[in-house]
PDB file of N, CA and C in Angstrom:
ATOM      1  N   MET A   1      13.747 -60.947 -61.915  1.00  0.00           N
ATOM      2  CA  MET A   1      15.472 -60.561 -61.891  1.00  0.00           C
ATOM      3  C   MET A   1      16.083 -62.105 -62.094  1.00  0.00           C
ATOM      4  N   SER A   2      17.356 -62.374 -62.393  1.00  0.00           N
ATOM      5  CA  SER A   2      18.239 -63.033 -63.197  1.00  0.00           C
ATOM      6  C   SER A   2      18.629 -63.802 -61.851  1.00  0.00           C
ATOM      7  N   ILE A   3      19.445 -65.056 -62.362  1.00  0.00           N
ATOM      8  CA  ILE A   3      19.960 -65.962 -61.368  1.00  0.00           C
ATOM      9  C   ILE A   3      21.313 -64.910 -60.881  1.00  0.00           C
ATOM     10  N   GLY A   4      21.866 -64.227 -61.874  1.00  0.00           N
ATOM     11  CA  GLY A   4      22.965 -63.946 -61.942  1.00  0.00           C
ATOM     12  C   GLY A   4      22.578 -62.744 -60.848  1.00  0.00           C
ATOM     13  N   GLY A   5      21.577 -61.872 -60.838  1.00  0.00           N
ATOM     14  CA  GLY A   5      21.489 -60.464 -59.320  1.00  0.00           C
ATOM     15  C   GLY A   5      21.618 -61.375 -58.352  1.00  0.00           C
ATOM     16  N   ILE A   6      21.330 -62.162 -58.070  1.00  0.00           N
ATOM     17  CA  ILE A   6      21.297 -62.814 -56.906  1.00  0.00           C
ATOM     18  C   ILE A   6      22.605 -62.257 -55.569  1.00  0.00           C
ATOM     19  N   GLU A   7      23.496 -62.289 -56.284  1.00  0.00           N
ATOM     20  CA  GLU A   7      24.537 -61.763 -55.671  1.00  0.00           C
ATOM     21  C   GLU A   7      24.813 -60.790 -54.860  1.00  0.00           C
ATOM     22  N   SER A   8      23.662 -59.882 -55.529  1.00  0.00           N
ATOM     23  CA  SER A   8      23.608 -58.368 -55.424  1.00  0.00           C
ATOM     24  C   SER A   8      22.482 -58.457 -53.790  1.00  0.00           C
ATOM     25  N   ILE A   9      21.956 -59.373 -53.765  1.00  0.00           N
ATOM     26  CA  ILE A   9      21.061 -59.760 -52.244  1.00  0.00           C
ATOM     27  C   ILE A   9      22.038 -58.918 -51.389  1.00  0.00           C
ATOM     28  N   GLY A  10      21.953 -58.025 -50.204  1.00  0.00           N
ATOM     29  CA  GLY A  10      22.614 -57.495 -49.167  1.00  0.00           C
ATOM     30  C   GLY A  10      22.517 -58.888 -48.350  1.00  0.00           C
ATOM     31  N   GLY A  11      24.246 -59.647 -47.827  1.00  0.00           N
ATOM     32  CA  GLY A  11      23.702 -60.511 -46.725  1.00  0.00           C
ATOM     33  C   GLY A  11      23.809 -61.974 -47.517  1.00  0.00           C
ATOM     34  N   PHE A  12      23.272 -62.059 -48.474  1.00  0.00           N
ATOM     35  CA  PHE A  12      23.346 -63.811 -49.570  1.00  0.00           C
ATOM     36  C   PHE A  12      24.642 -64.159 -49.661  1.00  0.00           C
ATOM     37  N   MET A  13      24.974 -65.102 -49.858  1.00  0.00           N
ATOM     38  CA  MET A  13      25.999 -65.935 -50.106  1.00  0.00           C
ATOM     39  C   MET A  13      25.324 -66.801 -51.157  1.00  0.00           C
ATOM     40  N   PRO A  14      25.366 -66.904 -51.986  1.00  0.00           N
ATOM     41  CA  PRO A  14      24.711 -68.316 -52.446  1.00  0.00           C
ATOM     42  C   PRO A  14      25.822 -69.533 -52.595  1.00  0.00           C
ATOM     43  N   LEU A  15      25.146 -70.389 -53.072  1.00  0.00           N
ATOM     44  CA  LEU A  15      25.954 -71.891 -53.080  1.00  0.00           C
ATOM     45  C   LEU A  15      27.142 -71.915 -53.672  1.00  0.00           C
ATOM     46  N   ALA A  16      27.684 -72.069 -53.057  1.00  0.00           N
ATOM     47  CA  ALA A  16      29.598 -72.305 -54.463  1.00  0.00           C
ATOM     48  C   ALA A  16      29.878 -73.438 -54.360  1.00  0.00           C
ATOM     49  N   ALA A  17      29.758 -74.050 -55.690  1.00  0.00           N
ATOM     50  CA  ALA A  17      30.461 -75.199 -56.021  1.00  0.00           C
ATOM     51  C   ALA A  17      32.128 -74.994 -56.457  1.00  0.00           C
ATOM     52  N   PRO A  18      32.714 -76.039 -55.533  1.00  0.00           N
ATOM     53  CA  PRO A  18      34.306 -75.778 -55.786  1.00  0.00           C
ATOM     54  C   PRO A  18      34.847 -76.059 -57.306  1.00  0.00           C
ATOM     55  N   VAL A  19      36.139 -74.867 -57.278  1.00  0.00           N
ATOM     56  CA  VAL A  19      36.536 -74.862 -59.117  1.00  0.00           C
ATOM     57  C   VAL A  19      37.399 -76.501 -58.963  1.00  0.00           C
ATOM     58  N   VAL A  20      36.891 -77.355 -59.711  1.00  0.00           N
ATOM     59  CA  VAL A  20      37.610 -78.673 -59.819  1.00  0.00           C
ATOM     60  C   VAL A  20      37.957 -78.592 -61.578  1.00  0.00           C
ATOM     61  N   SER A  21      39.313 -78.726 -61.565  1.00  0.00           N
ATOM     62  CA  SER A  21      39.551 -79.438 -62.765  1.00  0.00           C
ATOM     63  C   SER A  21      39.715 -80.192 -63.689  1.00  0.00           C
ATOM     64  N   ALA A  22      39.774 -80.666 -64.619  1.00  0.00           N
ATOM     65  CA  ALA A  22      39.268 -82.217 -64.724  1.00  0.00           C
ATOM     66  C   ALA A  22      40.843 -82.822 -64.470  1.00  0.00           C
ATOM     67  N   PRO A  23      40.285 -84.132 -63.918  1.00  0.00           N
ATOM     68  CA  PRO A  23      41.836 -84.637 -63.777  1.00  0.00           C
ATOM     69  C   PRO A  23      42.667 -85.772 -64.759  1.00  0.00           C
ATOM     70  N   SER A  24      43.777 -85.584 -64.334  1.00  0.00           N
ATOM     71  CA  SER A  24      44.541 -86.189 -65.897  1.00  0.00           C
ATOM     72  C   SER A  24      44.057 -87.873 -65.563  1.00  0.00           C
ATOM     73  N   THR A  25      44.607 -88.449 -64.526  1.00  0.00           N
ATOM     74  CA  THR A  25      43.836 -89.899 -63.487  1.00  0.00           C
ATOM     75  C   THR A  25      42.763 -89.880 -63.501  1.00  0.00           C
ATOM     76  N   ALA A  26      42.020 -91.152 -63.219  1.00  0.00           N
ATOM     77  CA  ALA A  26      40.976 -91.346 -62.757  1.00  0.00           C
ATOM     78  C   ALA A  26      41.390 -91.369 -60.863  1.00  0.00           C
ATOM     79  N   THR A  27      42.089 -91.402 -60.932  1.00  0.00           N
ATOM     80  CA  THR A  27      42.266 -91.263 -59.000  1.00  0.00           C
ATOM     81  C   THR A  27      43.121 -90.179 -58.568  1.00  0.00           C
ATOM     82  N   ALA A  28      42.869 -88.991 -59.503  1.00  0.00           N
ATOM     83  CA  ALA A  28      43.493 -87.899 -58.986  1.00  0.00           C
ATOM     84  C   ALA A  28      42.915 -87.066 -57.496  1.00  0.00           C
ATOM     85  N   PRO A  29      43.227 -86.531 -56.136  1.00  0.00           N
ATOM     86  CA  PRO A  29      42.405 -86.245 -55.938  1.00  0.00           C
ATOM     87  C   PRO A  29      41.962 -84.894 -56.173  1.00  0.00           C
ATOM     88  N   THR A  30      40.505 -84.276 -55.893  1.00  0.00           N
ATOM     89  CA  THR A  30      40.452 -83.344 -56.404  1.00  0.00           C
ATOM     90  C   THR A  30      40.318 -82.175 -54.850  1.00  0.00           C
ATOM     91  N   SER A  31      40.151 -81.063 -55.208  1.00  0.00           N
ATOM     92  CA  SER A  31      40.700 -80.131 -54.195  1.00  0.00           C
ATOM     93  C   SER A  31      38.866 -79.439 -53.934  1.00  0.00           C
ATOM     94  N   GLY A  32      38.739 -78.855 -52.838  1.00  0.00           N
ATOM     95  CA  GLY A  32      37.363 -77.973 -52.105  1.00  0.00           C
ATOM     96  C   GLY A  32      36.696 -79.169 -51.537  1.00  0.00           C
ATOM     97  N   ALA A  33      36.077 -78.036 -50.546  1.00  0.00           N
ATOM     98  CA  ALA A  33      35.174 -78.835 -49.988  1.00  0.00           C
ATOM     99  C   ALA A  33      33.841 -79.612 -50.658  1.00  0.00           C
ATOM    100  N   ASP A  34      33.814 -80.916 -49.580  1.00  0.00           N
ATOM    101  CA  ASP A  34      32.693 -82.005 -50.049  1.00  0.00           C
ATOM    102  C   ASP A  34      31.501 -81.727 -49.996  1.00  0.00           C
ATOM    103  N   PHE A  35      31.107 -82.284 -50.733  1.00  0.00           N
ATOM    104  CA  PHE A  35      29.147 -81.835 -51.046  1.00  0.00           C
ATOM    105  C   PHE A  35      28.653 -81.699 -50.052  1.00  0.00           C
ATOM    106  N   GLY A  36      28.947 -82.495 -48.934  1.00  0.00           N
ATOM    107  CA  GLY A  36      28.225 -82.488 -47.314  1.00  0.00           C
ATOM    108  C   GLY A  36      28.106 -81.009 -46.556  1.00  0.00           C
ATOM    109  N   SER A  37      29.539 -81.007 -46.714  1.00  0.00           N
ATOM    110  CA  SER A  37      29.740 -79.746 -46.284  1.00  0.00           C
ATOM    111  C   SER A  37      29.260 -78.426 -46.517  1.00  0.00           C
ATOM    112  N   MET A  38      29.346 -78.417 -47.988  1.00  0.00           N
ATOM    113  CA  MET A  38      28.664 -77.363 -48.838  1.00  0.00           C
ATOM    114  C   MET A  38      27.250 -77.507 -48.406  1.00  0.00           C
ATOM    115  N   VAL A  39      26.680 -78.620 -48.028  1.00  0.00           N
ATOM    116  CA  VAL A  39      24.957 -78.612 -48.256  1.00  0.00           C
ATOM    117  C   VAL A  39      24.467 -77.736 -47.096  1.00  0.00           C
ATOM    118  N   LEU A  40      25.305 -78.477 -45.932  1.00  0.00           N
ATOM    119  CA  LEU A  40      25.639 -77.863 -44.671  1.00  0.00           C
ATOM    120  C   LEU A  40      25.515 -76.774 -44.458  1.00  0.00           C
ATOM    121  N   ASP A  41      26.691 -76.132 -45.011  1.00  0.00           N
ATOM    122  CA  ASP A  41      26.644 -74.930 -45.030  1.00  0.00           C
ATOM    123  C   ASP A  41      25.211 -73.902 -45.427  1.00  0.00           C
ATOM    124  N   GLY A  42      25.228 -74.192 -46.652  1.00  0.00           N
ATOM    125  CA  GLY A  42      24.070 -73.523 -47.578  1.00  0.00           C
ATOM    126  C   GLY A  42      22.930 -73.612 -46.535  1.00  0.00           C
ATOM    127  N   LEU A  43      22.505 -74.672 -45.727  1.00  0.00           N
ATOM    128  CA  LEU A  43      21.597 -74.573 -44.808  1.00  0.00           C
ATOM    129  C   LEU A  43      21.884 -74.096 -43.990  1.00  0.00           C
ATOM    130  N   GLU A  44      22.870 -73.640 -43.196  1.00  0.00           N
ATOM    131  CA  GLU A  44      22.939 -73.185 -42.492  1.00  0.00           C
ATOM    132  C   GLU A  44      22.852 -71.387 -42.690  1.00  0.00           C
ATOM    133  N   ARG A  45      22.985 -71.052 -43.651  1.00  0.00           N
ATOM    134  CA  ARG A  45      22.973 -69.695 -44.348  1.00  0.00           C
ATOM    135  C   ARG A  45      21.555 -69.503 -44.529  1.00  0.00           C
ATOM    136  N   LEU A  46      20.999 -70.085 -44.919  1.00  0.00           N
ATOM    137  CA  LEU A  46      19.396 -70.220 -45.360  1.00  0.00           C
ATOM    138  C   LEU A  46      18.754 -69.700 -43.568  1.00  0.00           C
ATOM    139  N   GLU A  47      18.835 -70.584 -43.077  1.00  0.00           N
ATOM    140  CA  GLU A  47      18.207 -70.522 -41.711  1.00  0.00           C
ATOM    141  C   GLU A  47      18.856 -68.805 -41.415  1.00  0.00           C
ATOM    142  N   GLY A  48      20.005 -68.635 -40.961  1.00  0.00           N
ATOM    143  CA  GLY A  48      20.269 -67.798 -40.508  1.00  0.00           C
ATOM    144  C   GLY A  48      19.695 -65.962 -41.310  1.00  0.00           C
ATOM    145  N   ILE A  49      19.646 -66.314 -42.423  1.00  0.00           N
ATOM    146  CA  ILE A  49      18.901 -65.133 -43.296  1.00  0.00           C
ATOM    147  C   ILE A  49      17.143 -65.278 -42.938  1.00  0.00           C
ATOM    148  N   GLN A  50      16.544 -66.490 -43.002  1.00  0.00           N
ATOM    149  CA  GLN A  50      15.108 -66.623 -42.493  1.00  0.00           C
ATOM    150  C   GLN A  50      15.247 -66.218 -40.298  1.00  0.00           C
ATOM    151  N   ASP A  51      16.270 -66.578 -40.249  1.00  0.00           N
ATOM    152  CA  ASP A  51      16.182 -65.784 -38.604  1.00  0.00           C
ATOM    153  C   ASP A  51      16.591 -64.330 -39.061  1.00  0.00           C
ATOM    154  N   SER A  52      16.928 -64.137 -39.721  1.00  0.00           N
ATOM    155  CA  SER A  52      16.796 -62.486 -39.794  1.00  0.00           C
ATOM    156  C   SER A  52      15.553 -61.853 -40.318  1.00  0.00           C
ATOM    157  N   ALA A  53      15.137 -62.421 -41.353  1.00  0.00           N
ATOM    158  CA  ALA A  53      13.755 -62.146 -41.733  1.00  0.00           C
ATOM    159  C   ALA A  53      13.000 -62.119 -40.616  1.00  0.00           C
ATOM    160  N   ASP A  54      12.952 -62.927 -39.569  1.00  0.00           N
ATOM    161  CA  ASP A  54      11.660 -63.013 -38.784  1.00  0.00           C
ATOM    162  C   ASP A  54      11.737 -62.129 -37.559  1.00  0.00           C
ATOM    163  N   THR A  55      13.027 -61.828 -37.312  1.00  0.00           N
ATOM    164  CA  THR A  55      13.039 -61.064 -36.132  1.00  0.00           C
ATOM    165  C   THR A  55      13.698 -59.419 -36.476  1.00  0.00           C
ATOM    166  N   LEU A  56      13.276 -59.302 -38.164  1.00  0.00           N
ATOM    167  CA  LEU A  56      12.672 -57.656 -38.669  1.00  0.00           C
ATOM    168  C   LEU A  56      11.379 -57.975 -38.723  1.00  0.00           C
ATOM    169  N   ALA A  57      10.472 -58.853 -38.880  1.00  0.00           N
ATOM    170  CA  ALA A  57       9.319 -59.063 -38.904  1.00  0.00           C
ATOM    171  C   ALA A  57       8.597 -58.826 -37.201  1.00  0.00           C
ATOM    172  N   VAL A  58       9.251 -59.467 -36.221  1.00  0.00           N
ATOM    173  CA  VAL A  58       9.080 -59.071 -35.104  1.00  0.00           C
ATOM    174  C   VAL A  58       8.909 -57.700 -34.794  1.00  0.00           C
ATOM    175  N   ARG A  59       9.633 -57.047 -35.196  1.00  0.00           N
ATOM    176  CA  ARG A  59      10.429 -55.656 -34.676  1.00  0.00           C
ATOM    177  C   ARG A  59       9.412 -54.978 -35.617  1.00  0.00           C
ATOM    178  N   ALA A  60       8.810 -55.075 -36.984  1.00  0.00           N
ATOM    179  CA  ALA A  60       7.828 -54.230 -37.665  1.00  0.00           C
ATOM    180  C   ALA A  60       6.532 -54.183 -37.217  1.00  0.00           C
ATOM    181  N   ALA A  61       6.541 -55.542 -36.819  1.00  0.00           N
ATOM    182  CA  ALA A  61       4.878 -56.126 -35.782  1.00  0.00           C
ATOM    183  C   ALA A  61       4.918 -54.955 -34.409  1.00  0.00           C
ATOM    184  N   SER A  62       5.659 -54.868 -34.066  1.00  0.00           N
ATOM    185  CA  SER A  62       5.868 -54.285 -32.247  1.00  0.00           C
ATOM    186  C   SER A  62       5.820 -52.941 -32.760  1.00  0.00           C
ATOM    187  N   GLY A  63       6.258 -52.026 -33.539  1.00  0.00           N
ATOM    188  CA  GLY A  63       6.484 -50.997 -34.227  1.00  0.00           C
ATOM    189  C   GLY A  63       7.912 -50.163 -34.074  1.00  0.00           C
ATOM    190  N   THR A  64       9.017 -50.817 -33.436  1.00  0.00           N
ATOM    191  CA  THR A  64      10.402 -50.690 -33.282  1.00  0.00           C
ATOM    192  C   THR A  64      11.338 -51.012 -34.259  1.00  0.00           C
ATOM    193  N   LEU A  65      10.554 -50.991 -35.569  1.00  0.00           N
ATOM    194  CA  LEU A  65      11.691 -50.702 -36.339  1.00  0.00           C
ATOM    195  C   LEU A  65      11.644 -50.027 -37.661  1.00  0.00           C
ATOM    196  N   PRO A  66      12.265 -48.974 -37.134  1.00  0.00           N
ATOM    197  CA  PRO A  66      12.374 -47.451 -37.761  1.00  0.00           C
ATOM    198  C   PRO A  66      11.912 -47.345 -39.242  1.00  0.00           C
ATOM    199  N   ASN A  67      12.764 -48.440 -40.171  1.00  0.00           N
ATOM    200  CA  ASN A  67      12.662 -48.781 -41.723  1.00  0.00           C
ATOM    201  C   ASN A  67      12.405 -49.842 -42.098  1.00  0.00           C
ATOM    202  N   ILE A  68      10.397 -49.573 -42.299  1.00  0.00           N
ATOM    203  CA  ILE A  68       9.949 -51.077 -42.938  1.00  0.00           C
ATOM    204  C   ILE A  68      10.558 -51.551 -44.314  1.00  0.00           C
ATOM    205  N   HIS A  69      11.041 -50.892 -44.612  1.00  0.00           N
ATOM    206  CA  HIS A  69      12.228 -51.508 -45.501  1.00  0.00           C
ATOM    207  C   HIS A  69      12.889 -52.372 -46.048  1.00  0.00           C
ATOM    208  N   ASP A  70      13.912 -52.200 -44.484  1.00  0.00           N
ATOM    209  CA  ASP A  70      14.563 -53.448 -44.003  1.00  0.00           C
ATOM    210  C   ASP A  70      13.836 -54.655 -43.765  1.00  0.00           C
ATOM    211  N   TYR A  71      12.967 -54.587 -43.412  1.00  0.00           N
ATOM    212  CA  TYR A  71      12.144 -55.976 -43.567  1.00  0.00           C
ATOM    213  C   TYR A  71      11.501 -56.277 -44.889  1.00  0.00           C
ATOM    214  N   THR A  72      11.256 -55.744 -45.566  1.00  0.00           N
ATOM    215  CA  THR A  72      10.695 -56.237 -46.780  1.00  0.00           C
ATOM    216  C   THR A  72      11.997 -56.802 -47.691  1.00  0.00           C
ATOM    217  N   LEU A  73      12.961 -56.023 -47.634  1.00  0.00           N
ATOM    218  CA  LEU A  73      14.125 -56.407 -48.225  1.00  0.00           C
ATOM    219  C   LEU A  73      14.678 -57.855 -47.857  1.00  0.00           C
ATOM    220  N   ALA A  74      14.309 -58.162 -46.365  1.00  0.00           N
ATOM    221  CA  ALA A  74      15.437 -59.403 -45.786  1.00  0.00           C
ATOM    222  C   ALA A  74      14.149 -60.365 -46.256  1.00  0.00           C
ATOM    223  N   ALA A  75      12.985 -59.908 -46.249  1.00  0.00           N
ATOM    224  CA  ALA A  75      11.452 -61.285 -45.838  1.00  0.00           C
ATOM    225  C   ALA A  75      12.091 -61.629 -47.383  1.00  0.00           C
ATOM    226  N   THR A  76      11.922 -60.253 -48.820  1.00  0.00           N
ATOM    227  CA  THR A  76      12.338 -60.818 -49.989  1.00  0.00           C
ATOM    228  C   THR A  76      13.826 -62.022 -50.297  1.00  0.00           C
ATOM    229  N   GLU A  77      14.739 -61.256 -49.583  1.00  0.00           N
ATOM    230  CA  GLU A  77      16.044 -62.311 -49.637  1.00  0.00           C
ATOM    231  C   GLU A  77      15.642 -63.438 -49.416  1.00  0.00           C
ATOM    232  N   ALA A  78      14.898 -63.799 -47.901  1.00  0.00           N
ATOM    233  CA  ALA A  78      14.850 -64.706 -47.533  1.00  0.00           C
ATOM    234  C   ALA A  78      13.515 -65.943 -48.893  1.00  0.00           C
ATOM    235  N   GLU A  79      13.248 -65.552 -49.469  1.00  0.00           N
ATOM    236  CA  GLU A  79      12.163 -66.073 -49.832  1.00  0.00           C
ATOM    237  C   GLU A  79      13.057 -66.701 -51.361  1.00  0.00           C
ATOM    238  N   VAL A  80      13.665 -65.566 -51.698  1.00  0.00           N
ATOM    239  CA  VAL A  80      14.522 -66.245 -53.043  1.00  0.00           C
ATOM    240  C   VAL A  80      15.691 -67.304 -52.571  1.00  0.00           C
ATOM    241  N   ALA A  81      15.853 -67.360 -51.302  1.00  0.00           N
ATOM    242  CA  ALA A  81      17.081 -68.100 -51.172  1.00  0.00           C
ATOM    243  C   ALA A  81      16.362 -69.431 -50.719  1.00  0.00           C
ATOM    244  N   THR A  82      14.878 -69.468 -50.103  1.00  0.00           N
ATOM    245  CA  THR A  82      14.464 -70.377 -50.153  1.00  0.00           C
ATOM    246  C   THR A  82      14.204 -71.394 -51.885  1.00  0.00           C
ATOM    247  N   LYS A  83      13.497 -70.478 -52.367  1.00  0.00           N
ATOM    248  CA  LYS A  83      13.461 -71.093 -53.413  1.00  0.00           C
ATOM    249  C   LYS A  83      14.322 -71.448 -54.055  1.00  0.00           C
ATOM    250  N   LEU A  84      15.699 -70.783 -54.268  1.00  0.00           N
ATOM    251  CA  LEU A  84      16.578 -71.154 -54.919  1.00  0.00           C
ATOM    252  C   LEU A  84      17.357 -72.717 -54.044  1.00  0.00           C
ATOM    253  N   THR A  85      17.456 -73.008 -52.739  1.00  0.00           N
ATOM    254  CA  THR A  85      17.809 -74.022 -52.031  1.00  0.00           C
ATOM    255  C   THR A  85      16.747 -75.072 -52.369  1.00  0.00           C
ATOM    256  N   VAL A  86      15.319 -74.914 -52.550  1.00  0.00           N
ATOM    257  CA  VAL A  86      14.180 -75.974 -52.729  1.00  0.00           C
ATOM    258  C   VAL A  86      14.414 -76.320 -54.617  1.00  0.00           C
ATOM    259  N   ALA A  87      15.396 -75.470 -55.131  1.00  0.00           N
ATOM    260  CA  ALA A  87      15.223 -75.353 -56.535  1.00  0.00           C
ATOM    261  C   ALA A  87      16.655 -76.761 -56.756  1.00  0.00           C
ATOM    262  N   VAL A  88      17.299 -76.695 -55.813  1.00  0.00           N
ATOM    263  CA  VAL A  88      18.887 -77.010 -55.958  1.00  0.00           C
ATOM    264  C   VAL A  88      18.496 -78.587 -55.215  1.00  0.00           C
ATOM    265  N   ARG A  89      17.837 -78.742 -54.346  1.00  0.00           N
ATOM    266  CA  ARG A  89      17.196 -79.776 -54.002  1.00  0.00           C
ATOM    267  C   ARG A  89      16.483 -80.852 -54.739  1.00  0.00           C
ATOM    268  N   ASN A  90      15.799 -79.977 -55.544  1.00  0.00           N
ATOM    269  CA  ASN A  90      14.843 -80.732 -56.354  1.00  0.00           C
ATOM    270  C   ASN A  90      15.665 -81.347 -57.634  1.00  0.00           C
ATOM    271  N   LYS A  91      16.722 -80.687 -58.202  1.00  0.00           N
ATOM    272  CA  LYS A  91      17.763 -81.208 -59.039  1.00  0.00           C
ATOM    273  C   LYS A  91      18.635 -82.456 -58.344  1.00  0.00           C
ATOM    274  N   ALA A  92      19.126 -82.433 -57.187  1.00  0.00           N
ATOM    275  CA  ALA A  92      20.019 -83.781 -56.559  1.00  0.00           C
ATOM    276  C   ALA A  92      18.928 -84.836 -56.663  1.00  0.00           C
ATOM    277  N   ILE A  93      17.682 -84.755 -56.142  1.00  0.00           N
ATOM    278  CA  ILE A  93      16.878 -85.842 -56.054  1.00  0.00           C
ATOM    279  C   ILE A  93      16.561 -86.459 -57.366  1.00  0.00           C
ATOM    280  N   GLU A  94      16.633 -85.334 -58.569  1.00  0.00           N
ATOM    281  CA  GLU A  94      16.510 -85.776 -59.839  1.00  0.00           C
ATOM    282  C   GLU A  94      17.837 -86.842 -60.583  1.00  0.00           C
ATOM    283  N   ALA A  95      18.547 -86.251 -59.941  1.00  0.00           N
ATOM    284  CA  ALA A  95      20.281 -86.407 -60.854  1.00  0.00           C
ATOM    285  C   ALA A  95      20.165 -87.903 -59.753  1.00  0.00           C
ATOM    286  N   PHE A  96      19.416 -88.198 -58.366  1.00  0.00           N
ATOM    287  CA  PHE A  96      19.846 -88.970 -57.695  1.00  0.00           C
ATOM    288  C   PHE A  96      19.343 -90.318 -58.016  1.00  0.00           C
ATOM    289  N   THR A  97      17.657 -89.749 -58.498  1.00  0.00           N
ATOM    290  CA  THR A  97      17.148 -90.833 -59.154  1.00  0.00           C
ATOM    291  C   THR A  97      17.739 -91.118 -60.559  1.00  0.00           C
ATOM    292  N   GLU A  98      17.826 -90.129 -61.311  1.00  0.00           N
ATOM    293  CA  GLU A  98      18.471 -90.846 -62.598  1.00  0.00           C
ATOM    294  C   GLU A  98      19.959 -91.764 -62.058  1.00  0.00           C
ATOM    295  N   ILE A  99      20.790 -91.612 -61.410  1.00  0.00           N
ATOM    296  CA  ILE A  99      21.975 -92.740 -60.896  1.00  0.00           C
ATOM    297  C   ILE A  99      21.167 -93.752 -60.369  1.00  0.00           C
ATOM    298  N   MET A 100      20.217 -93.616 -60.256  1.00  0.00           N
ATOM    299  CA  MET A 100      20.100 -94.914 -59.043  1.00  0.00           C
ATOM    300  C   MET A 100      18.806 -95.772 -60.589  1.00  0.00           C
ATOM    301  N   ARG A 101      18.547 -95.422 -61.323  1.00  0.00           N
ATOM    302  CA  ARG A 101      18.262 -96.227 -62.816  1.00  0.00           C
ATOM    303  C   ARG A 101      19.038 -96.417 -63.970  1.00  0.00           C
ATOM    304  N   MET A 102      20.507 -96.051 -63.716  1.00  0.00           N
ATOM    305  CA  MET A 102      21.372 -96.439 -64.293  1.00  0.00           C
ATOM    306  C   MET A 102      21.768 -98.167 -63.858  1.00  0.00           C
ATOM    307  N   GLN A 103      22.087 -98.751 -65.406  1.00  0.00           N
ATOM    308  CA  GLN A 103      22.434-100.188 -65.538  1.00  0.00           C
ATOM    309  C   GLN A 103      23.767-100.310 -65.319  1.00  0.00           C
ATOM    310  N   VAL A 104      24.573-101.369 -64.347  1.00  0.00           N
ATOM    311  CA  VAL A 104      25.686-101.270 -64.076  1.00  0.00           C
ATOM    312  C   VAL A 104      25.849-102.657 -64.573  1.00  0.00           C
ATOM    313  N   GLY A 105      27.108-102.730 -65.552  1.00  0.00           N
ATOM    314  CA  GLY A 105      27.182-103.894 -66.164  1.00  0.00           C
ATOM    315  C   GLY A 105      28.044-103.636 -67.533  1.00  0.00           C
TER     316      GLY A 105
END
Protein backbone atom coordinates (compact mmCIF):
# COMPACT_ATOMS: atom_id res chain seq x y z
CA MET A 1 0.00 0.00 0.00
CA SER A 2 1.41 3.38 -0.90
CA ILE A 3 1.40 6.35 1.44
CA GLY A 4 -0.92 8.08 -1.03
CA GLY A 5 -3.47 5.30 -0.47
CA ILE A 6 -3.74 5.95 3.27
CA GLU A 7 -6.39 8.62 2.73
CA SER A 8 -8.74 6.00 1.33
CA ILE A 9 -8.95 4.15 4.64
CA GLY A 10 -12.33 4.98 6.15
CA GLY A 11 -12.18 7.48 9.00
CA PHE A 12 -8.43 8.04 8.80
CA MET A 13 -7.41 11.65 8.59
CA PRO A 14 -3.65 11.96 8.07
CA LEU A 15 -1.63 14.62 9.78
CA ALA A 16 -1.70 17.55 7.39
CA ALA A 17 1.01 20.15 7.31
CA PRO A 18 -0.23 23.71 6.86
CA VAL A 19 0.29 25.15 3.42
CA VAL A 20 2.73 28.00 3.84
CA SER A 21 4.18 29.98 0.98
CA ALA A 22 7.71 31.30 1.20
CA PRO A 23 7.64 34.54 3.20
CA SER A 24 8.94 37.67 1.54
CA THR A 25 10.77 38.73 4.72
CA ALA A 26 12.17 36.85 7.67
CA THR A 27 9.63 38.43 10.06
CA ALA A 28 6.51 37.70 8.02
CA PRO A 29 3.96 35.68 10.03
CA THR A 30 2.82 32.35 8.65
CA SER A 31 -0.75 31.16 8.58
CA GLY A 32 -2.01 27.79 9.75
CA ALA A 33 -2.02 25.77 12.93
CA ASP A 34 1.08 25.68 15.09
CA PHE A 35 3.11 22.50 15.21
CA GLY A 36 2.13 21.59 18.78
CA SER A 37 -1.60 21.70 17.98
CA MET A 38 -1.10 19.58 14.90
CA VAL A 39 0.79 16.95 16.92
CA LEU A 40 -1.85 16.88 19.66
CA ASP A 41 -4.65 16.66 17.09
CA GLY A 42 -2.91 13.79 15.31
CA LEU A 43 -2.37 11.91 18.57
CA GLU A 44 -6.02 12.38 19.54
CA ARG A 45 -7.09 11.01 16.16
CA LEU A 46 -4.76 8.04 16.59
CA GLU A 47 -6.20 7.37 20.02
CA GLY A 48 -9.74 7.48 18.58
CA ILE A 49 -8.82 5.03 15.82
CA GLN A 50 -7.26 2.65 18.34
CA ASP A 51 -10.25 2.94 20.68
CA SER A 52 -12.59 2.11 17.80
CA ALA A 53 -10.52 -0.96 16.90
CA ASP A 54 -10.46 -2.06 20.55
CA THR A 55 -14.25 -1.74 20.82
CA LEU A 56 -14.75 -3.78 17.67
CA ALA A 57 -12.28 -6.40 18.96
CA VAL A 58 -14.34 -6.83 22.13
CA ARG A 59 -17.55 -7.07 20.10
CA ALA A 60 -15.95 -9.66 17.78
CA ALA A 61 -14.75 -11.72 20.73
CA SER A 62 -18.16 -11.62 22.42
CA GLY A 63 -19.98 -12.55 19.21
CA THR A 64 -22.01 -9.32 18.94
CA LEU A 65 -20.24 -8.05 15.82
CA PRO A 66 -22.27 -9.03 12.74
CA ASN A 67 -19.47 -8.40 10.20
CA ILE A 68 -16.01 -9.54 11.26
CA HIS A 69 -14.47 -7.62 8.37
CA ASP A 70 -15.35 -4.37 10.19
CA TYR A 71 -12.93 -5.34 12.93
CA THR A 72 -10.29 -6.44 10.42
CA LEU A 73 -10.45 -3.08 8.66
CA ALA A 74 -10.37 -1.13 11.94
CA ALA A 75 -7.40 -3.14 13.22
CA THR A 76 -5.50 -2.59 9.98
CA GLU A 77 -6.33 1.12 10.04
CA ALA A 78 -5.06 1.37 13.63
CA GLU A 79 -1.87 -0.47 12.70
CA VAL A 80 -1.16 1.78 9.71
CA ALA A 81 -1.94 4.94 11.70
CA THR A 82 0.36 3.81 14.51
CA LYS A 83 3.19 3.04 12.08
CA LEU A 84 2.74 6.43 10.42
CA THR A 85 2.77 8.21 13.78
CA VAL A 86 5.93 6.39 14.86
CA ALA A 87 7.62 7.25 11.55
CA VAL A 88 6.73 10.94 11.96
CA ARG A 89 8.00 10.86 15.55
CA ASN A 90 11.27 9.26 14.45
CA LYS A 91 11.77 11.91 11.76
CA ALA A 92 11.04 14.69 14.25
CA ILE A 93 13.59 13.28 16.70
CA GLU A 94 16.11 12.92 13.89
CA ALA A 95 15.55 16.54 12.83
CA PHE A 96 15.83 17.78 16.43
CA THR A 97 19.07 15.87 16.90
CA GLU A 98 20.46 17.35 13.70
CA ILE A 99 19.49 20.87 14.80
CA MET A 100 21.21 20.33 18.15
CA ARG A 101 24.43 19.34 16.33
CA MET A 102 24.50 22.62 14.39
CA GLN A 103 27.13 25.09 15.44
CA VAL A 104 26.04 28.63 16.12
CA GLY A 105 28.32 31.36 15.28
